[in-house]
Protein backbone atom coordinates (compact mmCIF):
# COMPACT_ATOMS: atom_id res chain seq x y z
CA UNK A 1 0.00 0.00 0.00
CA UNK A 2 2.93 2.32 0.58
CA UNK A 3 3.64 2.35 -3.16
CA UNK A 4 0.11 3.56 -3.90
CA UNK A 5 0.31 6.37 -1.34
CA UNK A 6 3.75 7.36 -2.52
CA UNK A 7 2.57 7.58 -6.15
CA UNK A 8 -0.45 9.69 -5.18
CA UNK A 9 1.58 12.10 -3.04
CA UNK A 10 4.43 12.41 -5.55
CA UNK A 11 2.09 13.39 -8.39
CA UNK A 12 -0.14 15.65 -6.29
CA UNK A 13 2.67 17.58 -4.62
CA UNK A 14 4.61 17.95 -7.88
CA UNK A 15 1.51 19.66 -9.31
CA UNK A 16 1.26 21.97 -6.28
CA UNK A 17 -1.67 20.27 -4.55
CA UNK A 18 -2.09 19.41 -0.91
CA UNK A 19 -3.73 16.20 0.31
CA UNK A 20 -6.19 16.22 3.18
CA UNK A 21 -4.40 14.66 6.13
CA UNK A 22 -5.93 11.57 7.75
CA UNK A 23 -8.07 10.80 4.69
CA UNK A 24 -7.62 8.20 2.01
CA UNK A 25 -8.97 5.05 0.53
CA UNK A 26 -9.99 1.78 2.13
CA UNK A 27 -10.84 -1.83 1.62
CA UNK A 28 -14.16 -2.79 0.06
CA UNK A 29 -16.27 -5.44 1.72
CA UNK A 30 -19.42 -5.77 3.77
CA UNK A 31 -19.09 -2.58 5.85
CA UNK A 32 -18.23 1.03 5.04
CA UNK A 33 -14.54 1.97 5.00
CA UNK A 34 -13.06 -1.43 5.82
CA UNK A 35 -9.39 -2.22 6.35
CA UNK A 36 -6.88 -1.94 4.91
CA UNK A 37 -6.31 1.81 4.82
CA UNK A 38 -5.08 3.15 1.49
CA UNK A 39 -3.12 6.24 2.50
CA UNK A 40 -2.66 9.15 0.13
CA UNK A 41 0.94 9.59 1.25
CA UNK A 42 3.09 6.54 1.82
CA UNK A 43 6.54 5.05 1.73
CA UNK A 44 7.44 2.83 -1.21
CA UNK A 45 7.86 -0.85 -0.41
CA UNK A 46 6.04 -0.54 2.93
CA UNK A 47 2.62 -1.45 4.22
CA UNK A 48 0.00 -4.05 3.42
CA UNK A 49 0.83 -6.23 0.40
CA UNK A 50 -1.57 -6.35 -2.50
CA UNK A 51 -2.85 -9.90 -2.98
CA UNK A 52 -5.32 -11.39 -5.46
CA UNK A 53 -8.87 -11.11 -4.17
CA UNK A 54 -8.29 -7.75 -2.48
CA UNK A 55 -10.65 -4.94 -3.53
CA UNK A 56 -9.77 -1.38 -2.52
CA UNK A 57 -10.99 2.16 -3.03
CA UNK A 58 -8.26 4.61 -4.00
CA UNK A 59 -9.53 8.10 -3.23
CA UNK A 60 -7.25 11.11 -3.06
CA UNK A 61 -8.65 14.50 -2.14
CA UNK A 62 -6.49 17.20 -3.71
CA UNK A 63 -6.43 20.70 -2.24
CA UNK A 64 -5.67 23.57 -4.60
CA UNK A 65 -3.91 25.74 -2.02
CA UNK A 66 -1.34 23.07 -1.17
CA UNK A 67 -2.46 22.70 2.45
CA UNK A 68 -2.99 19.30 4.08
CA UNK A 69 -5.20 20.72 6.82
CA UNK A 70 -8.95 20.31 6.89
CA UNK A 71 -12.08 20.94 8.92
CA UNK A 72 -15.44 19.23 9.09
CA UNK A 73 -18.66 21.00 8.13
CA UNK A 74 -21.57 21.42 10.52
CA UNK A 75 -23.04 18.11 9.35
CA UNK A 76 -19.99 16.27 10.74
CA UNK A 77 -19.38 14.59 7.37
CA UNK A 78 -18.42 17.29 4.87
CA UNK A 79 -14.65 17.86 4.59
CA UNK A 80 -13.41 21.41 3.92
CA UNK A 81 -9.91 22.67 3.22
CA UNK A 82 -8.59 24.63 6.20
CA UNK A 83 -7.40 27.49 4.00
CA UNK A 84 -10.69 27.90 2.14
CA UNK A 85 -9.30 26.85 -1.24
CA UNK A 86 -11.14 24.45 -3.52
CA UNK A 87 -10.60 20.74 -3.28
CA UNK A 88 -11.53 17.79 -5.48
CA UNK A 89 -12.17 14.21 -4.47
CA UNK A 90 -12.11 11.21 -6.78
CA UNK A 91 -12.60 7.53 -6.06
CA UNK A 92 -11.84 4.41 -8.06
CA UNK A 93 -12.49 0.88 -6.94
CA UNK A 94 -9.78 -1.57 -7.95
CA UNK A 95 -9.79 -5.37 -7.76
CA UNK A 96 -6.44 -7.10 -7.44
CA UNK A 97 -6.45 -10.24 -9.60
CA UNK A 98 -3.91 -12.92 -10.55
CA UNK A 99 -3.57 -11.06 -13.87
CA UNK A 100 -3.08 -7.61 -12.32
CA UNK A 101 -5.35 -4.75 -11.26
CA UNK A 102 -8.83 -4.25 -12.71
CA UNK A 103 -10.41 -0.81 -12.28
CA UNK A 104 -14.06 -1.54 -11.57
CA UNK A 105 -15.26 2.07 -11.76
CA UNK A 106 -14.23 2.85 -15.33
CA UNK A 107 -17.16 3.45 -17.73
C-alpha atoms as a PDB file:
ATOM      1  CA  UNK A   1       0.000   0.000   0.000  1.00  0.00           C
ATOM      2  CA  UNK A   2       2.926   2.319   0.581  1.00  0.00           C
ATOM      3  CA  UNK A   3       3.640   2.350  -3.156  1.00  0.00           C
ATOM      4  CA  UNK A   4       0.108   3.558  -3.902  1.00  0.00           C
ATOM      5  CA  UNK A   5       0.306   6.368  -1.340  1.00  0.00           C
ATOM      6  CA  UNK A   6       3.754   7.357  -2.516  1.00  0.00           C
ATOM      7  CA  UNK A   7       2.571   7.583  -6.147  1.00  0.00           C
ATOM      8  CA  UNK A   8      -0.451   9.691  -5.177  1.00  0.00           C
ATOM      9  CA  UNK A   9       1.583  12.104  -3.045  1.00  0.00           C
ATOM     10  CA  UNK A  10       4.428  12.405  -5.551  1.00  0.00           C
ATOM     11  CA  UNK A  11       2.089  13.389  -8.394  1.00  0.00           C
ATOM     12  CA  UNK A  12      -0.141  15.647  -6.285  1.00  0.00           C
ATOM     13  CA  UNK A  13       2.672  17.576  -4.619  1.00  0.00           C
ATOM     14  CA  UNK A  14       4.611  17.954  -7.885  1.00  0.00           C
ATOM     15  CA  UNK A  15       1.510  19.657  -9.312  1.00  0.00           C
ATOM     16  CA  UNK A  16       1.263  21.973  -6.277  1.00  0.00           C
ATOM     17  CA  UNK A  17      -1.670  20.273  -4.546  1.00  0.00           C
ATOM     18  CA  UNK A  18      -2.095  19.411  -0.908  1.00  0.00           C
ATOM     19  CA  UNK A  19      -3.731  16.201   0.305  1.00  0.00           C
ATOM     20  CA  UNK A  20      -6.189  16.216   3.183  1.00  0.00           C
ATOM     21  CA  UNK A  21      -4.395  14.661   6.132  1.00  0.00           C
ATOM     22  CA  UNK A  22      -5.932  11.573   7.752  1.00  0.00           C
ATOM     23  CA  UNK A  23      -8.071  10.805   4.686  1.00  0.00           C
ATOM     24  CA  UNK A  24      -7.618   8.202   2.006  1.00  0.00           C
ATOM     25  CA  UNK A  25      -8.965   5.047   0.528  1.00  0.00           C
ATOM     26  CA  UNK A  26      -9.989   1.783   2.131  1.00  0.00           C
ATOM     27  CA  UNK A  27     -10.841  -1.834   1.617  1.00  0.00           C
ATOM     28  CA  UNK A  28     -14.163  -2.792   0.056  1.00  0.00           C
ATOM     29  CA  UNK A  29     -16.270  -5.443   1.721  1.00  0.00           C
ATOM     30  CA  UNK A  30     -19.421  -5.773   3.775  1.00  0.00           C
ATOM     31  CA  UNK A  31     -19.085  -2.580   5.846  1.00  0.00           C
ATOM     32  CA  UNK A  32     -18.226   1.026   5.038  1.00  0.00           C
ATOM     33  CA  UNK A  33     -14.542   1.967   5.004  1.00  0.00           C
ATOM     34  CA  UNK A  34     -13.057  -1.432   5.821  1.00  0.00           C
ATOM     35  CA  UNK A  35      -9.394  -2.224   6.345  1.00  0.00           C
ATOM     36  CA  UNK A  36      -6.876  -1.937   4.913  1.00  0.00           C
ATOM     37  CA  UNK A  37      -6.314   1.815   4.820  1.00  0.00           C
ATOM     38  CA  UNK A  38      -5.076   3.151   1.486  1.00  0.00           C
ATOM     39  CA  UNK A  39      -3.122   6.239   2.497  1.00  0.00           C
ATOM     40  CA  UNK A  40      -2.658   9.154   0.135  1.00  0.00           C
ATOM     41  CA  UNK A  41       0.941   9.593   1.251  1.00  0.00           C
ATOM     42  CA  UNK A  42       3.091   6.544   1.816  1.00  0.00           C
ATOM     43  CA  UNK A  43       6.540   5.049   1.735  1.00  0.00           C
ATOM     44  CA  UNK A  44       7.438   2.825  -1.205  1.00  0.00           C
ATOM     45  CA  UNK A  45       7.862  -0.848  -0.409  1.00  0.00           C
ATOM     46  CA  UNK A  46       6.043  -0.539   2.929  1.00  0.00           C
ATOM     47  CA  UNK A  47       2.619  -1.451   4.223  1.00  0.00           C
ATOM     48  CA  UNK A  48      -0.003  -4.052   3.419  1.00  0.00           C
ATOM     49  CA  UNK A  49       0.835  -6.227   0.404  1.00  0.00           C
ATOM     50  CA  UNK A  50      -1.573  -6.354  -2.504  1.00  0.00           C
ATOM     51  CA  UNK A  51      -2.853  -9.898  -2.975  1.00  0.00           C
ATOM     52  CA  UNK A  52      -5.320 -11.391  -5.465  1.00  0.00           C
ATOM     53  CA  UNK A  53      -8.871 -11.110  -4.173  1.00  0.00           C
ATOM     54  CA  UNK A  54      -8.295  -7.748  -2.481  1.00  0.00           C
ATOM     55  CA  UNK A  55     -10.654  -4.936  -3.531  1.00  0.00           C
ATOM     56  CA  UNK A  56      -9.771  -1.384  -2.524  1.00  0.00           C
ATOM     57  CA  UNK A  57     -10.990   2.158  -3.035  1.00  0.00           C
ATOM     58  CA  UNK A  58      -8.255   4.606  -4.000  1.00  0.00           C
ATOM     59  CA  UNK A  59      -9.534   8.095  -3.231  1.00  0.00           C
ATOM     60  CA  UNK A  60      -7.247  11.106  -3.055  1.00  0.00           C
ATOM     61  CA  UNK A  61      -8.653  14.505  -2.142  1.00  0.00           C
ATOM     62  CA  UNK A  62      -6.490  17.203  -3.715  1.00  0.00           C
ATOM     63  CA  UNK A  63      -6.432  20.703  -2.238  1.00  0.00           C
ATOM     64  CA  UNK A  64      -5.666  23.565  -4.598  1.00  0.00           C
ATOM     65  CA  UNK A  65      -3.912  25.740  -2.018  1.00  0.00           C
ATOM     66  CA  UNK A  66      -1.337  23.070  -1.173  1.00  0.00           C
ATOM     67  CA  UNK A  67      -2.462  22.699   2.448  1.00  0.00           C
ATOM     68  CA  UNK A  68      -2.986  19.296   4.079  1.00  0.00           C
ATOM     69  CA  UNK A  69      -5.202  20.722   6.817  1.00  0.00           C
ATOM     70  CA  UNK A  70      -8.952  20.311   6.891  1.00  0.00           C
ATOM     71  CA  UNK A  71     -12.079  20.944   8.922  1.00  0.00           C
ATOM     72  CA  UNK A  72     -15.438  19.226   9.085  1.00  0.00           C
ATOM     73  CA  UNK A  73     -18.658  21.001   8.131  1.00  0.00           C
ATOM     74  CA  UNK A  74     -21.570  21.423  10.523  1.00  0.00           C
ATOM     75  CA  UNK A  75     -23.039  18.112   9.350  1.00  0.00           C
ATOM     76  CA  UNK A  76     -19.990  16.270  10.735  1.00  0.00           C
ATOM     77  CA  UNK A  77     -19.383  14.590   7.371  1.00  0.00           C
ATOM     78  CA  UNK A  78     -18.418  17.293   4.875  1.00  0.00           C
ATOM     79  CA  UNK A  79     -14.645  17.861   4.593  1.00  0.00           C
ATOM     80  CA  UNK A  80     -13.407  21.408   3.919  1.00  0.00           C
ATOM     81  CA  UNK A  81      -9.905  22.673   3.222  1.00  0.00           C
ATOM     82  CA  UNK A  82      -8.587  24.629   6.198  1.00  0.00           C
ATOM     83  CA  UNK A  83      -7.396  27.494   4.003  1.00  0.00           C
ATOM     84  CA  UNK A  84     -10.694  27.899   2.138  1.00  0.00           C
ATOM     85  CA  UNK A  85      -9.302  26.851  -1.237  1.00  0.00           C
ATOM     86  CA  UNK A  86     -11.136  24.454  -3.525  1.00  0.00           C
ATOM     87  CA  UNK A  87     -10.602  20.737  -3.277  1.00  0.00           C
ATOM     88  CA  UNK A  88     -11.527  17.792  -5.483  1.00  0.00           C
ATOM     89  CA  UNK A  89     -12.171  14.214  -4.468  1.00  0.00           C
ATOM     90  CA  UNK A  90     -12.107  11.212  -6.784  1.00  0.00           C
ATOM     91  CA  UNK A  91     -12.599   7.530  -6.062  1.00  0.00           C
ATOM     92  CA  UNK A  92     -11.838   4.414  -8.061  1.00  0.00           C
ATOM     93  CA  UNK A  93     -12.494   0.878  -6.944  1.00  0.00           C
ATOM     94  CA  UNK A  94      -9.776  -1.574  -7.949  1.00  0.00           C
ATOM     95  CA  UNK A  95      -9.792  -5.369  -7.764  1.00  0.00           C
ATOM     96  CA  UNK A  96      -6.437  -7.101  -7.442  1.00  0.00           C
ATOM     97  CA  UNK A  97      -6.447 -10.241  -9.597  1.00  0.00           C
ATOM     98  CA  UNK A  98      -3.915 -12.923 -10.550  1.00  0.00           C
ATOM     99  CA  UNK A  99      -3.569 -11.063 -13.872  1.00  0.00           C
ATOM    100  CA  UNK A 100      -3.083  -7.611 -12.325  1.00  0.00           C
ATOM    101  CA  UNK A 101      -5.347  -4.755 -11.256  1.00  0.00           C
ATOM    102  CA  UNK A 102      -8.828  -4.250 -12.706  1.00  0.00           C
ATOM    103  CA  UNK A 103     -10.406  -0.809 -12.281  1.00  0.00           C
ATOM    104  CA  UNK A 104     -14.064  -1.543 -11.573  1.00  0.00           C
ATOM    105  CA  UNK A 105     -15.257   2.069 -11.758  1.00  0.00           C
ATOM    106  CA  UNK A 106     -14.230   2.847 -15.332  1.00  0.00           C
ATOM    107  CA  UNK A 107     -17.155   3.448 -17.725  1.00  0.00           C
END
